[in-house]
């Protein structure tokens, strides 16, 4: 049973590490999804950071399927 707990924790760490990397990238390129995001203040992006880390797989699809090109 202990091995399953360790395996789960390793998978969770990998998920959140990927989320951290994606969040930094996403918050600077989020204006591709929402043009108003380009005008937002830094504090707004800081407040969105934890949510982006937790939901990065969903946002990854939205980012690459967005119609707005830079």
Protein backbone atom coordinates (compact mmCIF):
# COMPACT_ATOMS: atom_id res chain seq x y z
CA UNK A 1 0.00 0.00 0.00
CA UNK A 2 2.87 2.32 0.78
CA UNK A 3 4.19 2.06 -2.77
CA UNK A 4 0.86 3.30 -4.14
CA UNK A 5 0.98 6.36 -1.91
CA UNK A 6 4.51 7.18 -3.08
CA UNK A 7 3.57 6.63 -6.71
CA UNK A 8 0.53 8.90 -6.32
CA UNK A 9 2.64 11.62 -4.71
CA UNK A 10 5.22 11.43 -7.49
CA UNK A 11 2.51 11.72 -10.13
CA UNK A 12 1.00 14.67 -8.25
CA UNK A 13 4.40 16.39 -8.06
CA UNK A 14 4.93 15.93 -11.80
CA UNK A 15 1.45 17.32 -12.49
CA UNK A 16 2.06 20.45 -10.42
CA UNK A 17 5.59 20.95 -11.76
CA UNK A 18 4.20 20.90 -15.29
CA UNK A 19 1.47 23.26 -14.11
CA UNK A 20 4.00 25.73 -12.73
CA UNK A 21 5.94 25.78 -15.98
CA UNK A 22 2.77 26.13 -18.04
CA UNK A 23 1.35 28.88 -15.80
CA UNK A 24 4.36 31.14 -16.33
CA UNK A 25 4.06 30.68 -20.09
CA UNK A 26 0.26 30.97 -20.13
CA UNK A 27 -0.09 34.14 -18.11
CA UNK A 28 2.10 36.03 -20.55
CA UNK A 29 0.37 34.64 -23.64
CA UNK A 30 -3.23 34.54 -22.36
CA UNK A 31 -4.17 37.46 -24.57
CA UNK A 32 -4.39 34.94 -27.42
CA UNK A 33 -7.54 33.58 -25.73
CA UNK A 34 -8.83 36.83 -24.24
CA UNK A 35 -7.61 40.14 -25.72
CA UNK A 36 -8.59 42.01 -22.54
CA UNK A 37 -6.06 39.92 -20.61
CA UNK A 38 -3.29 41.80 -22.41
CA UNK A 39 -4.42 45.00 -20.68
CA UNK A 40 -4.67 43.47 -17.20
CA UNK A 41 -2.42 44.42 -14.32
CA UNK A 42 0.28 42.18 -12.89
CA UNK A 43 -1.70 41.62 -9.67
CA UNK A 44 -4.54 40.07 -11.68
CA UNK A 45 -2.13 37.63 -13.28
CA UNK A 46 -0.71 36.82 -9.85
CA UNK A 47 -4.21 36.05 -8.56
CA UNK A 48 -4.90 33.79 -11.54
CA UNK A 49 -1.64 31.87 -11.09
CA UNK A 50 -2.87 29.15 -8.64
CA UNK A 51 -5.94 28.43 -10.77
CA UNK A 52 -3.84 28.08 -13.91
CA UNK A 53 -1.45 25.70 -12.13
CA UNK A 54 -4.36 23.49 -11.05
CA UNK A 55 -6.25 23.48 -14.37
CA UNK A 56 -3.41 23.58 -16.88
CA UNK A 57 -4.53 20.62 -19.06
CA UNK A 58 -7.81 22.38 -19.89
CA UNK A 59 -6.11 25.69 -20.60
CA UNK A 60 -3.48 24.05 -22.77
CA UNK A 61 -6.17 22.97 -25.21
CA UNK A 62 -7.77 26.41 -25.21
CA UNK A 63 -4.44 28.11 -25.81
CA UNK A 64 -3.58 26.05 -28.87
CA UNK A 65 -7.11 26.05 -30.28
CA UNK A 66 -7.53 29.81 -30.03
CA UNK A 67 -8.40 31.63 -33.24
CA UNK A 68 -6.52 34.85 -32.43
CA UNK A 69 -3.01 34.91 -33.86
CA UNK A 70 -0.28 37.29 -32.80
